[in-house]
PDB file of N, CA and C in Angstrom:
ATOM      1  N   MET A   1      26.575  20.979  12.862  1.00  0.00           N
ATOM      2  CA  MET A   1      25.974  20.815  11.563  1.00  0.00           C
ATOM      3  C   MET A   1      27.095  20.347  10.597  1.00  0.00           C
ATOM      4  N   THR A   2      26.679  19.415   9.732  1.00  0.00           N
ATOM      5  CA  THR A   2      27.565  18.965   8.730  1.00  0.00           C
ATOM      6  C   THR A   2      26.910  19.286   7.344  1.00  0.00           C
ATOM      7  N   SER A   3      27.587  19.822   6.425  1.00  0.00           N
ATOM      8  CA  SER A   3      27.079  19.981   5.055  1.00  0.00           C
ATOM      9  C   SER A   3      28.219  19.697   4.161  1.00  0.00           C
ATOM     10  N   SER A   4      28.093  18.723   3.333  1.00  0.00           N
ATOM     11  CA  SER A   4      29.200  18.346   2.461  1.00  0.00           C
ATOM     12  C   SER A   4      28.783  18.299   0.971  1.00  0.00           C
ATOM     13  N   LYS A   5      29.578  18.905   0.135  1.00  0.00           N
ATOM     14  CA  LYS A   5      29.383  18.788  -1.245  1.00  0.00           C
ATOM     15  C   LYS A   5      30.129  17.550  -1.709  1.00  0.00           C
ATOM     16  N   ILE A   6      29.398  16.704  -2.310  1.00  0.00           N
ATOM     17  CA  ILE A   6      29.945  15.355  -2.697  1.00  0.00           C
ATOM     18  C   ILE A   6      30.085  15.395  -4.224  1.00  0.00           C
ATOM     19  N   GLY A   7      30.634  14.387  -4.833  1.00  0.00           N
ATOM     20  CA  GLY A   7      30.916  14.366  -6.293  1.00  0.00           C
ATOM     21  C   GLY A   7      29.609  14.275  -7.114  1.00  0.00           C
ATOM     22  N   SER A   8      28.578  13.652  -6.558  1.00  0.00           N
ATOM     23  CA  SER A   8      27.379  13.477  -7.394  1.00  0.00           C
ATOM     24  C   SER A   8      26.176  13.286  -6.483  1.00  0.00           C
ATOM     25  N   LEU A   9      24.995  13.325  -7.063  1.00  0.00           N
ATOM     26  CA  LEU A   9      23.758  13.049  -6.372  1.00  0.00           C
ATOM     27  C   LEU A   9      23.748  11.662  -5.736  1.00  0.00           C
ATOM     28  N   LEU A  10      24.256  10.692  -6.512  1.00  0.00           N
ATOM     29  CA  LEU A  10      24.362   9.294  -6.003  1.00  0.00           C
ATOM     30  C   LEU A  10      25.291   9.216  -4.768  1.00  0.00           C
ATOM     31  N   ASP A  11      26.415   9.977  -4.811  1.00  0.00           N
ATOM     32  CA  ASP A  11      27.342   9.993  -3.621  1.00  0.00           C
ATOM     33  C   ASP A  11      26.637  10.593  -2.440  1.00  0.00           C
ATOM     34  N   ALA A  12      25.896  11.675  -2.618  1.00  0.00           N
ATOM     35  CA  ALA A  12      25.190  12.280  -1.490  1.00  0.00           C
ATOM     36  C   ALA A  12      24.146  11.348  -0.883  1.00  0.00           C
ATOM     37  N   PHE A  13      23.411  10.643  -1.792  1.00  0.00           N
ATOM     38  CA  PHE A  13      22.476   9.629  -1.340  1.00  0.00           C
ATOM     39  C   PHE A  13      23.218   8.528  -0.576  1.00  0.00           C
ATOM     40  N   GLY A  14      24.382   8.169  -1.043  1.00  0.00           N
ATOM     41  CA  GLY A  14      25.166   7.075  -0.407  1.00  0.00           C
ATOM     42  C   GLY A  14      25.441   7.462   1.074  1.00  0.00           C
ATOM     43  N   ILE A  15      25.928   8.624   1.305  1.00  0.00           N
ATOM     44  CA  ILE A  15      26.193   9.014   2.719  1.00  0.00           C
ATOM     45  C   ILE A  15      24.945   9.035   3.529  1.00  0.00           C
ATOM     46  N   TYR A  16      23.916   9.676   2.958  1.00  0.00           N
ATOM     47  CA  TYR A  16      22.638   9.769   3.639  1.00  0.00           C
ATOM     48  C   TYR A  16      22.062   8.414   3.972  1.00  0.00           C
ATOM     49  N   SER A  17      22.165   7.429   3.031  1.00  0.00           N
ATOM     50  CA  SER A  17      21.582   6.115   3.196  1.00  0.00           C
ATOM     51  C   SER A  17      22.266   5.303   4.321  1.00  0.00           C
ATOM     52  N   ASN A  18      23.505   5.682   4.612  1.00  0.00           N
ATOM     53  CA  ASN A  18      24.192   5.009   5.698  1.00  0.00           C
ATOM     54  C   ASN A  18      23.788   5.512   7.065  1.00  0.00           C
ATOM     55  N   TYR A  19      23.193   6.681   7.106  1.00  0.00           N
ATOM     56  CA  TYR A  19      22.692   7.207   8.379  1.00  0.00           C
ATOM     57  C   TYR A  19      21.162   6.786   8.622  1.00  0.00           C
ATOM     58  N   ARG A  20      20.489   6.644   7.511  1.00  0.00           N
ATOM     59  CA  ARG A  20      19.033   6.439   7.558  1.00  0.00           C
ATOM     60  C   ARG A  20      18.773   4.974   8.045  1.00  0.00           C
ATOM     61  N   GLY A  21      17.756   4.837   8.818  1.00  0.00           N
ATOM     62  CA  GLY A  21      17.284   3.528   9.256  1.00  0.00           C
ATOM     63  C   GLY A  21      15.969   3.186   8.562  1.00  0.00           C
ATOM     64  N   THR A  22      15.387   2.044   8.811  1.00  0.00           N
ATOM     65  CA  THR A  22      14.119   1.713   8.145  1.00  0.00           C
ATOM     66  C   THR A  22      12.946   2.197   8.896  1.00  0.00           C
ATOM     67  N   ASN A  23      13.129   2.540  10.199  1.00  0.00           N
ATOM     68  CA  ASN A  23      12.030   3.053  11.049  1.00  0.00           C
ATOM     69  C   ASN A  23      12.279   4.460  11.318  1.00  0.00           C
ATOM     70  N   ILE A  24      12.169   5.364  10.347  1.00  0.00           N
ATOM     71  CA  ILE A  24      12.448   6.752  10.507  1.00  0.00           C
ATOM     72  C   ILE A  24      11.188   7.606  10.288  1.00  0.00           C
ATOM     73  N   LYS A  25      11.207   8.815  10.808  1.00  0.00           N
ATOM     74  CA  LYS A  25      10.118   9.794  10.562  1.00  0.00           C
ATOM     75  C   LYS A  25      10.579  10.612   9.345  1.00  0.00           C
ATOM     76  N   GLU A  26      10.073  10.240   8.170  1.00  0.00           N
ATOM     77  CA  GLU A  26      10.494  10.911   6.976  1.00  0.00           C
ATOM     78  C   GLU A  26       9.815  12.304   6.942  1.00  0.00           C
ATOM     79  N   ILE A  27      10.545  13.274   6.367  1.00  0.00           N
ATOM     80  CA  ILE A  27      10.027  14.614   6.195  1.00  0.00           C
ATOM     81  C   ILE A  27      10.308  15.042   4.753  1.00  0.00           C
ATOM     82  N   SER A  28       9.518  15.991   4.302  1.00  0.00           N
ATOM     83  CA  SER A  28       9.679  16.511   2.926  1.00  0.00           C
ATOM     84  C   SER A  28      10.632  17.657   2.910  1.00  0.00           C
ATOM     85  N   ILE A  29      11.863  17.308   2.711  1.00  0.00           N
ATOM     86  CA  ILE A  29      12.988  18.258   2.612  1.00  0.00           C
ATOM     87  C   ILE A  29      14.054  17.657   1.673  1.00  0.00           C
ATOM     88  N   GLY A  30      14.598  18.455   0.769  1.00  0.00           N
ATOM     89  CA  GLY A  30      15.521  17.917  -0.149  1.00  0.00           C
ATOM     90  C   GLY A  30      14.950  16.814  -0.978  1.00  0.00           C
ATOM     91  N   ALA A  31      15.798  15.894  -1.413  1.00  0.00           N
ATOM     92  CA  ALA A  31      15.329  14.679  -2.117  1.00  0.00           C
ATOM     93  C   ALA A  31      14.657  13.700  -1.170  1.00  0.00           C
ATOM     94  N   GLU A  32      15.260  13.632   0.008  1.00  0.00           N
ATOM     95  CA  GLU A  32      14.705  12.729   1.030  1.00  0.00           C
ATOM     96  C   GLU A  32      15.372  13.135   2.375  1.00  0.00           C
ATOM     97  N   GLY A  33      14.599  13.076   3.412  1.00  0.00           N
ATOM     98  CA  GLY A  33      15.143  13.456   4.681  1.00  0.00           C
ATOM     99  C   GLY A  33      14.423  12.858   5.850  1.00  0.00           C
ATOM    100  N   TYR A  34      15.020  12.896   7.042  1.00  0.00           N
ATOM    101  CA  TYR A  34      14.279  12.446   8.228  1.00  0.00           C
ATOM    102  C   TYR A  34      14.623  13.266   9.436  1.00  0.00           C
ATOM    103  N   LEU A  35      13.780  13.268  10.388  1.00  0.00           N
ATOM    104  CA  LEU A  35      13.904  14.082  11.571  1.00  0.00           C
ATOM    105  C   LEU A  35      13.741  13.131  12.813  1.00  0.00           C
ATOM    106  N   SER A  36      14.650  13.290  13.739  1.00  0.00           N
ATOM    107  CA  SER A  36      14.491  12.621  15.028  1.00  0.00           C
ATOM    108  C   SER A  36      14.465  13.748  16.134  1.00  0.00           C
ATOM    109  N   SER A  37      14.480  13.336  17.379  1.00  0.00           N
ATOM    110  CA  SER A  37      14.433  14.314  18.478  1.00  0.00           C
ATOM    111  C   SER A  37      15.683  15.151  18.588  1.00  0.00           C
ATOM    112  N   THR A  38      16.765  14.701  17.987  1.00  0.00           N
ATOM    113  CA  THR A  38      18.038  15.453  18.143  1.00  0.00           C
ATOM    114  C   THR A  38      18.690  15.780  16.795  1.00  0.00           C
ATOM    115  N   GLN A  39      18.203  15.288  15.655  1.00  0.00           N
ATOM    116  CA  GLN A  39      18.869  15.593  14.408  1.00  0.00           C
ATOM    117  C   GLN A  39      17.909  15.553  13.192  1.00  0.00           C
ATOM    118  N   LEU A  40      18.348  16.331  12.203  1.00  0.00           N
ATOM    119  CA  LEU A  40      17.681  16.386  10.938  1.00  0.00           C
ATOM    120  C   LEU A  40      18.746  16.014   9.850  1.00  0.00           C
ATOM    121  N   ILE A  41      18.438  15.089   9.007  1.00  0.00           N
ATOM    122  CA  ILE A  41      19.420  14.662   8.015  1.00  0.00           C
ATOM    123  C   ILE A  41      18.681  14.592   6.655  1.00  0.00           C
ATOM    124  N   PHE A  42      19.286  15.135   5.623  1.00  0.00           N
ATOM    125  CA  PHE A  42      18.712  15.078   4.289  1.00  0.00           C
ATOM    126  C   PHE A  42      19.881  15.208   3.261  1.00  0.00           C
ATOM    127  N   TYR A  43      19.509  14.907   2.005  1.00  0.00           N
ATOM    128  CA  TYR A  43      20.373  15.128   0.870  1.00  0.00           C
ATOM    129  C   TYR A  43      19.644  15.884  -0.196  1.00  0.00           C
ATOM    130  N   GLN A  44      20.383  16.690  -0.982  1.00  0.00           N
ATOM    131  CA  GLN A  44      19.837  17.490  -1.995  1.00  0.00           C
ATOM    132  C   GLN A  44      20.863  17.810  -3.008  1.00  0.00           C
ATOM    133  N   ASP A  45      20.676  17.451  -4.271  1.00  0.00           N
ATOM    134  CA  ASP A  45      21.661  17.651  -5.318  1.00  0.00           C
ATOM    135  C   ASP A  45      22.918  16.947  -4.946  1.00  0.00           C
ATOM    136  N   LYS A  46      24.067  17.560  -4.863  1.00  0.00           N
ATOM    137  CA  LYS A  46      25.317  16.937  -4.501  1.00  0.00           C
ATOM    138  C   LYS A  46      25.636  17.146  -3.019  1.00  0.00           C
ATOM    139  N   TYR A  47      24.700  17.514  -2.257  1.00  0.00           N
ATOM    140  CA  TYR A  47      24.931  17.846  -0.832  1.00  0.00           C
ATOM    141  C   TYR A  47      24.259  16.912   0.119  1.00  0.00           C
ATOM    142  N   PHE A  48      24.988  16.569   1.170  1.00  0.00           N
ATOM    143  CA  PHE A  48      24.480  15.806   2.305  1.00  0.00           C
ATOM    144  C   PHE A  48      24.449  16.767   3.500  1.00  0.00           C
ATOM    145  N   VAL A  49      23.375  16.824   4.183  1.00  0.00           N
ATOM    146  CA  VAL A  49      23.228  17.779   5.307  1.00  0.00           C
ATOM    147  C   VAL A  49      22.828  17.007   6.583  1.00  0.00           C
ATOM    148  N   ARG A  50      23.524  17.242   7.666  1.00  0.00           N
ATOM    149  CA  ARG A  50      23.202  16.719   8.939  1.00  0.00           C
ATOM    150  C   ARG A  50      23.241  17.803   9.996  1.00  0.00           C
ATOM    151  N   ILE A  51      22.094  18.063  10.598  1.00  0.00           N
ATOM    152  CA  ILE A  51      22.006  19.076  11.664  1.00  0.00           C
ATOM    153  C   ILE A  51      21.724  18.288  12.968  1.00  0.00           C
ATOM    154  N   GLN A  52      22.550  18.493  13.944  1.00  0.00           N
ATOM    155  CA  GLN A  52      22.402  17.721  15.239  1.00  0.00           C
ATOM    156  C   GLN A  52      22.436  18.682  16.411  1.00  0.00           C
ATOM    157  N   ALA A  53      21.519  18.470  17.286  1.00  0.00           N
ATOM    158  CA  ALA A  53      21.459  19.288  18.538  1.00  0.00           C
ATOM    159  C   ALA A  53      22.094  18.365  19.643  1.00  0.00           C
ATOM    160  N   THR A  54      23.000  18.934  20.365  1.00  0.00           N
ATOM    161  CA  THR A  54      23.625  18.166  21.486  1.00  0.00           C
ATOM    162  C   THR A  54      23.453  19.035  22.726  1.00  0.00           C
ATOM    163  N   GLY A  55      23.501  18.379  23.902  1.00  0.00           N
ATOM    164  CA  GLY A  55      23.466  19.041  25.177  1.00  0.00           C
ATOM    165  C   GLY A  55      22.061  19.342  25.643  1.00  0.00           C
ATOM    166  N   THR A  56      21.058  19.001  24.846  1.00  0.00           N
ATOM    167  CA  THR A  56      19.682  19.255  25.255  1.00  0.00           C
ATOM    168  C   THR A  56      18.789  18.134  24.725  1.00  0.00           C
ATOM    169  N   THR A  57      17.709  17.901  25.417  1.00  0.00           N
ATOM    170  CA  THR A  57      16.697  16.943  24.886  1.00  0.00           C
ATOM    171  C   THR A  57      15.375  17.671  24.722  1.00  0.00           C
ATOM    172  N   GLY A  58      15.330  18.978  24.980  1.00  0.00           N
ATOM    173  CA  GLY A  58      14.087  19.723  24.916  1.00  0.00           C
ATOM    174  C   GLY A  58      13.916  20.544  23.703  1.00  0.00           C
ATOM    175  N   LEU A  59      14.760  20.362  22.651  1.00  0.00           N
ATOM    176  CA  LEU A  59      14.673  21.163  21.447  1.00  0.00           C
ATOM    177  C   LEU A  59      13.462  20.792  20.642  1.00  0.00           C
ATOM    178  N   GLU A  60      12.663  21.719  20.212  1.00  0.00           N
ATOM    179  CA  GLU A  60      11.490  21.429  19.430  1.00  0.00           C
ATOM    180  C   GLU A  60      11.891  20.978  17.989  1.00  0.00           C
ATOM    181  N   ASN A  61      11.181  20.052  17.473  1.00  0.00           N
ATOM    182  CA  ASN A  61      11.437  19.587  16.099  1.00  0.00           C
ATOM    183  C   ASN A  61      11.260  20.720  15.089  1.00  0.00           C
ATOM    184  N   ASP A  62      10.379  21.663  15.390  1.00  0.00           N
ATOM    185  CA  ASP A  62      10.150  22.761  14.473  1.00  0.00           C
ATOM    186  C   ASP A  62      11.438  23.569  14.272  1.00  0.00           C
ATOM    187  N   THR A  63      12.264  23.687  15.276  1.00  0.00           N
ATOM    188  CA  THR A  63      13.505  24.447  15.223  1.00  0.00           C
ATOM    189  C   THR A  63      14.456  23.783  14.186  1.00  0.00           C
ATOM    190  N   LEU A  64      14.628  22.470  14.391  1.00  0.00           N
ATOM    191  CA  LEU A  64      15.521  21.734  13.455  1.00  0.00           C
ATOM    192  C   LEU A  64      14.983  21.852  12.033  1.00  0.00           C
ATOM    193  N   LEU A  65      13.681  21.667  11.893  1.00  0.00           N
ATOM    194  CA  LEU A  65      13.043  21.717  10.555  1.00  0.00           C
ATOM    195  C   LEU A  65      13.222  23.123   9.918  1.00  0.00           C
ATOM    196  N   ALA A  66      12.993  24.118  10.668  1.00  0.00           N
ATOM    197  CA  ALA A  66      13.182  25.490  10.115  1.00  0.00           C
ATOM    198  C   ALA A  66      14.576  25.714   9.667  1.00  0.00           C
ATOM    199  N   PHE A  67      15.558  25.286  10.422  1.00  0.00           N
ATOM    200  CA  PHE A  67      16.927  25.479  10.062  1.00  0.00           C
ATOM    201  C   PHE A  67      17.233  24.677   8.766  1.00  0.00           C
ATOM    202  N   GLY A  68      16.803  23.443   8.674  1.00  0.00           N
ATOM    203  CA  GLY A  68      16.960  22.603   7.544  1.00  0.00           C
ATOM    204  C   GLY A  68      16.290  23.200   6.268  1.00  0.00           C
ATOM    205  N   GLN A  69      15.133  23.709   6.436  1.00  0.00           N
ATOM    206  CA  GLN A  69      14.441  24.326   5.256  1.00  0.00           C
ATOM    207  C   GLN A  69      15.239  25.572   4.807  1.00  0.00           C
ATOM    208  N   ALA A  70      15.754  26.335   5.733  1.00  0.00           N
ATOM    209  CA  ALA A  70      16.554  27.513   5.287  1.00  0.00           C
ATOM    210  C   ALA A  70      17.808  27.101   4.526  1.00  0.00           C
ATOM    211  N   LEU A  71      18.435  26.062   4.994  1.00  0.00           N
ATOM    212  CA  LEU A  71      19.632  25.518   4.227  1.00  0.00           C
ATOM    213  C   LEU A  71      19.185  24.972   2.903  1.00  0.00           C
ATOM    214  N   SER A  72      18.100  24.215   2.820  1.00  0.00           N
ATOM    215  CA  SER A  72      17.643  23.686   1.591  1.00  0.00           C
ATOM    216  C   SER A  72      17.359  24.734   0.543  1.00  0.00           C
ATOM    217  N   ARG A  73      16.833  25.866   0.957  1.00  0.00           N
ATOM    218  CA  ARG A  73      16.540  26.936  -0.021  1.00  0.00           C
ATOM    219  C   ARG A  73      17.750  27.522  -0.572  1.00  0.00           C
ATOM    220  N   ASN A  74      18.894  27.330   0.078  1.00  0.00           N
ATOM    221  CA  ASN A  74      20.147  27.908  -0.406  1.00  0.00           C
ATOM    222  C   ASN A  74      21.029  26.926  -1.153  1.00  0.00           C
ATOM    223  N   LEU A  75      20.518  25.705  -1.340  1.00  0.00           N
ATOM    224  CA  LEU A  75      21.228  24.719  -2.115  1.00  0.00           C
ATOM    225  C   LEU A  75      20.626  24.663  -3.515  1.00  0.00           C
ATOM    226  N   PRO A  76      21.362  24.044  -4.467  1.00  0.00           N
ATOM    227  CA  PRO A  76      20.697  23.890  -5.826  1.00  0.00           C
ATOM    228  C   PRO A  76      19.364  23.187  -5.703  1.00  0.00           C
ATOM    229  N   PRO A  77      18.378  23.557  -6.475  1.00  0.00           N
ATOM    230  CA  PRO A  77      17.026  23.083  -6.268  1.00  0.00           C
ATOM    231  C   PRO A  77      16.774  21.635  -6.716  1.00  0.00           C
ATOM    232  N   ASN A  78      17.740  20.894  -7.101  1.00  0.00           N
ATOM    233  CA  ASN A  78      17.526  19.495  -7.507  1.00  0.00           C
ATOM    234  C   ASN A  78      17.136  18.619  -6.305  1.00  0.00           C
ATOM    235  N   THR A  79      15.845  18.258  -6.300  1.00  0.00           N
ATOM    236  CA  THR A  79      15.369  17.334  -5.202  1.00  0.00           C
ATOM    237  C   THR A  79      15.025  15.951  -5.800  1.00  0.00           C
ATOM    238  N   ALA A  80      15.591  15.576  -6.855  1.00  0.00           N
ATOM    239  CA  ALA A  80      15.311  14.235  -7.490  1.00  0.00           C
ATOM    240  C   ALA A  80      16.188  13.196  -6.703  1.00  0.00           C
ATOM    241  N   ARG A  81      15.654  11.928  -6.691  1.00  0.00           N
ATOM    242  CA  ARG A  81      16.431  10.847  -6.194  1.00  0.00           C
ATOM    243  C   ARG A  81      17.333  10.411  -7.306  1.00  0.00           C
ATOM    244  N   PRO A  82      18.456   9.731  -6.986  1.00  0.00           N
ATOM    245  CA  PRO A  82      19.324   9.227  -8.080  1.00  0.00           C
ATOM    246  C   PRO A  82      18.618   8.231  -8.973  1.00  0.00           C
ATOM    247  N   LYS A  83      18.743   8.449 -10.306  1.00  0.00           N
ATOM    248  CA  LYS A  83      18.013   7.557 -11.248  1.00  0.00           C
ATOM    249  C   LYS A  83      18.513   6.097 -11.110  1.00  0.00           C
ATOM    250  N   GLU A  84      19.679   5.884 -10.562  1.00  0.00           N
ATOM    251  CA  GLU A  84      20.222   4.509 -10.390  1.00  0.00           C
ATOM    252  C   GLU A  84      19.305   3.754  -9.415  1.00  0.00           C
ATOM    253  N   LEU A  85      18.552   4.434  -8.523  1.00  0.00           N
ATOM    254  CA  LEU A  85      17.682   3.710  -7.577  1.00  0.00           C
ATOM    255  C   LEU A  85      16.469   3.109  -8.267  1.00  0.00           C
ATOM    256  N   ASP A  86      16.168   3.442  -9.515  1.00  0.00           N
ATOM    257  CA  ASP A  86      15.031   2.949 -10.218  1.00  0.00           C
ATOM    258  C   ASP A  86      15.124   1.390 -10.309  1.00  0.00           C
ATOM    259  N   VAL A  87      16.342   0.849 -10.383  1.00  0.00           N
ATOM    260  CA  VAL A  87      16.485  -0.620 -10.489  1.00  0.00           C
ATOM    261  C   VAL A  87      16.086  -1.305  -9.229  1.00  0.00           C
ATOM    262  N   MET A  88      15.982  -0.570  -8.126  1.00  0.00           N
ATOM    263  CA  MET A  88      15.597  -1.134  -6.796  1.00  0.00           C
ATOM    264  C   MET A  88      14.167  -1.187  -6.518  1.00  0.00           C
ATOM    265  N   GLU A  89      13.326  -0.685  -7.499  1.00  0.00           N
ATOM    266  CA  GLU A  89      11.896  -0.629  -7.291  1.00  0.00           C
ATOM    267  C   GLU A  89      11.296  -2.006  -7.517  1.00  0.00           C
ATOM    268  N   MET A  90      11.247  -2.798  -6.493  1.00  0.00           N
ATOM    269  CA  MET A  90      10.716  -4.176  -6.549  1.00  0.00           C
ATOM    270  C   MET A  90       9.857  -4.360  -5.320  1.00  0.00           C
ATOM    271  N   PRO A  91       8.798  -5.193  -5.459  1.00  0.00           N
ATOM    272  CA  PRO A  91       7.808  -5.355  -4.351  1.00  0.00           C
ATOM    273  C   PRO A  91       8.434  -5.896  -3.043  1.00  0.00           C
ATOM    274  N   ASP A  92       9.472  -6.713  -3.101  1.00  0.00           N
ATOM    275  CA  ASP A  92       9.990  -7.341  -1.863  1.00  0.00           C
ATOM    276  C   ASP A  92      11.052  -6.534  -1.177  1.00  0.00           C
ATOM    277  N   ILE A  93      11.494  -5.374  -1.750  1.00  0.00           N
ATOM    278  CA  ILE A  93      12.515  -4.556  -1.139  1.00  0.00           C
ATOM    279  C   ILE A  93      11.913  -3.843   0.079  1.00  0.00           C
ATOM    280  N   ILE A  94      12.552  -3.921   1.226  1.00  0.00           N
ATOM    281  CA  ILE A  94      12.076  -3.171   2.430  1.00  0.00           C
ATOM    282  C   ILE A  94      12.320  -1.689   2.232  1.00  0.00           C
ATOM    283  N   PRO A  95      11.278  -0.875   2.330  1.00  0.00           N
ATOM    284  CA  PRO A  95      11.463   0.562   2.153  1.00  0.00           C
ATOM    285  C   PRO A  95      12.477   1.130   3.086  1.00  0.00           C
ATOM    286  N   ASN A  96      13.237   2.076   2.506  1.00  0.00           N
ATOM    287  CA  ASN A  96      14.352   2.792   3.173  1.00  0.00           C
ATOM    288  C   ASN A  96      15.532   1.922   3.535  1.00  0.00           C
ATOM    289  N   SER A  97      15.662   0.771   2.852  1.00  0.00           N
ATOM    290  CA  SER A  97      16.811  -0.132   3.133  1.00  0.00           C
ATOM    291  C   SER A  97      17.864  -0.031   2.018  1.00  0.00           C
ATOM    292  N   GLU A  98      17.535   0.768   0.922  1.00  0.00           N
ATOM    293  CA  GLU A  98      18.467   0.842  -0.147  1.00  0.00           C
ATOM    294  C   GLU A  98      19.692   1.618   0.276  1.00  0.00           C
ATOM    295  N   ARG A  99      20.868   1.200  -0.159  1.00  0.00           N
ATOM    296  CA  ARG A  99      22.098   1.895   0.134  1.00  0.00           C
ATOM    297  C   ARG A  99      23.021   1.851  -1.051  1.00  0.00           C
ATOM    298  N   TYR A 100      23.786   2.895  -1.237  1.00  0.00           N
ATOM    299  CA  TYR A 100      24.764   2.978  -2.273  1.00  0.00           C
ATOM    300  C   TYR A 100      26.161   2.864  -1.582  1.00  0.00           C
ATOM    301  N   ILE A 101      26.965   1.924  -2.030  1.00  0.00           N
ATOM    302  CA  ILE A 101      28.287   1.724  -1.566  1.00  0.00           C
ATOM    303  C   ILE A 101      29.296   2.088  -2.648  1.00  0.00           C
ATOM    304  N   PRO A 102      30.083   3.109  -2.423  1.00  0.00           N
ATOM    305  CA  PRO A 102      30.995   3.589  -3.466  1.00  0.00           C
ATOM    306  C   PRO A 102      32.235   2.802  -3.755  1.00  0.00           C
ATOM    307  N   GLN A 103      32.488   1.800  -2.890  1.00  0.00           N
ATOM    308  CA  GLN A 103      33.751   1.113  -3.092  1.00  0.00           C
ATOM    309  C   GLN A 103      33.691  -0.291  -2.455  1.00  0.00           C
ATOM    310  N   SER A 104      34.341  -1.203  -3.007  1.00  0.00           N
ATOM    311  CA  SER A 104      34.639  -2.547  -2.402  1.00  0.00           C
ATOM    312  C   SER A 104      33.351  -3.242  -1.924  1.00  0.00           C
ATOM    313  N   ILE A 105      32.405  -3.454  -2.833  1.00  0.00           N
ATOM    314  CA  ILE A 105      31.168  -4.138  -2.436  1.00  0.00           C
ATOM    315  C   ILE A 105      31.505  -5.600  -2.007  1.00  0.00           C
ATOM    316  N   LEU A 106      30.957  -5.991  -0.931  1.00  0.00           N
ATOM    317  CA  LEU A 106      31.213  -7.323  -0.404  1.00  0.00           C
ATOM    318  C   LEU A 106      32.694  -7.641  -0.097  1.00  0.00           C
ATOM    319  N   GLY A 107      33.455  -6.555   0.021  1.00  0.00           N
ATOM    320  CA  GLY A 107      34.864  -6.721   0.302  1.00  0.00           C
ATOM    321  C   GLY A 107      35.766  -7.095  -0.893  1.00  0.00           C
ATOM    322  N   TYR A 108      35.161  -7.023  -2.072  1.00  0.00           N
ATOM    323  CA  TYR A 108      35.943  -7.355  -3.308  1.00  0.00           C
ATOM    324  C   TYR A 108      36.349  -6.081  -4.045  1.00  0.00           C
ATOM    325  N   ALA A 109      37.571  -5.910  -4.338  1.00  0.00           N
ATOM    326  CA  ALA A 109      38.060  -4.716  -5.025  1.00  0.00           C
ATOM    327  C   ALA A 109      37.476  -4.615  -6.477  1.00  0.00           C
ATOM    328  N   PHE A 110      37.217  -5.744  -7.080  1.00  0.00           N
ATOM    329  CA  PHE A 110      36.664  -5.669  -8.476  1.00  0.00           C
ATOM    330  C   PHE A 110      35.122  -5.271  -8.480  1.00  0.00           C
ATOM    331  N   PHE A 111      34.422  -5.259  -7.364  1.00  0.00           N
ATOM    332  CA  PHE A 111      33.105  -4.698  -7.257  1.00  0.00           C
ATOM    333  C   PHE A 111      33.328  -3.292  -6.705  1.00  0.00           C
ATOM    334  N   ARG A 112      33.643  -2.385  -7.622  1.00  0.00           N
ATOM    335  CA  ARG A 112      34.106  -1.015  -7.202  1.00  0.00           C
ATOM    336  C   ARG A 112      32.937  -0.253  -6.545  1.00  0.00           C
ATOM    337  N   ARG A 113      31.702  -0.431  -6.956  1.00  0.00           N
ATOM    338  CA  ARG A 113      30.550   0.288  -6.353  1.00  0.00           C
ATOM    339  C   ARG A 113      29.313  -0.390  -6.693  1.00  0.00           C
ATOM    340  N   GLY A 114      28.230  -0.119  -5.920  1.00  0.00           N
ATOM    341  CA  GLY A 114      26.963  -0.807  -6.202  1.00  0.00           C
ATOM    342  C   GLY A 114      25.885  -0.404  -5.207  1.00  0.00           C
ATOM    343  N   LEU A 115      24.717  -0.953  -5.477  1.00  0.00           N
ATOM    344  CA  LEU A 115      23.563  -0.702  -4.636  1.00  0.00           C
ATOM    345  C   LEU A 115      23.206  -1.985  -3.953  1.00  0.00           C
ATOM    346  N   ILE A 116      22.776  -1.803  -2.655  1.00  0.00           N
ATOM    347  CA  ILE A 116      22.258  -3.017  -1.904  1.00  0.00           C
ATOM    348  C   ILE A 116      20.986  -2.622  -1.230  1.00  0.00           C
ATOM    349  N   ALA A 117      20.200  -3.630  -0.851  1.00  0.00           N
ATOM    350  CA  ALA A 117      18.938  -3.424  -0.166  1.00  0.00           C
ATOM    351  C   ALA A 117      18.538  -4.679   0.581  1.00  0.00           C
ATOM    352  N   ASP A 118      17.694  -4.489   1.549  1.00  0.00           N
ATOM    353  CA  ASP A 118      17.194  -5.698   2.313  1.00  0.00           C
ATOM    354  C   ASP A 118      15.873  -6.104   1.626  1.00  0.00           C
ATOM    355  N   VAL A 119      15.571  -7.406   1.673  1.00  0.00           N
ATOM    356  CA  VAL A 119      14.322  -7.836   1.092  1.00  0.00           C
ATOM    357  C   VAL A 119      13.474  -8.628   2.152  1.00  0.00           C
ATOM    358  N   LEU A 120      12.225  -8.720   1.912  1.00  0.00           N
ATOM    359  CA  LEU A 120      11.325  -9.444   2.829  1.00  0.00           C
ATOM    360  C   LEU A 120      11.623 -10.927   2.828  1.00  0.00           C
TER     361      LEU A 120
END
C-alpha cells in the first residue's frame, strides 16, 4: 500500500492521473478512483492512495474496496476534484485522459507546470 500526502489536491490528482488509464473501472471513492483485479487507486484531498495485492490473483474486489473505504474515512473529507480541471471540460476531450504535469511541460523549463489531455 502507498499513501502519500502531497502538497495540494492538484498534486495528488497529478500522481493519480499518471496511473489512471482511459479504460478503467471507476469507483466512487475519494475524489476519483478505480479498481482492477489487483489494485485500488484513488486520491482525496492532498493524498494519493494505491493499494496493491501481489502474489495472488484470487483476491475479491470487495476486499480491496473495503480497505480503501476504511482509509478514505480516515482522510480529510475533501472529495472535490481540483478546480483547475474545469478548463478541461470540452466536448472533444477523451474522458479520463486529463493529466497534471508539475514540471517541465513538453521538456521546456519555462513551462513549469500544466494540464494536458487527449482529444478525439
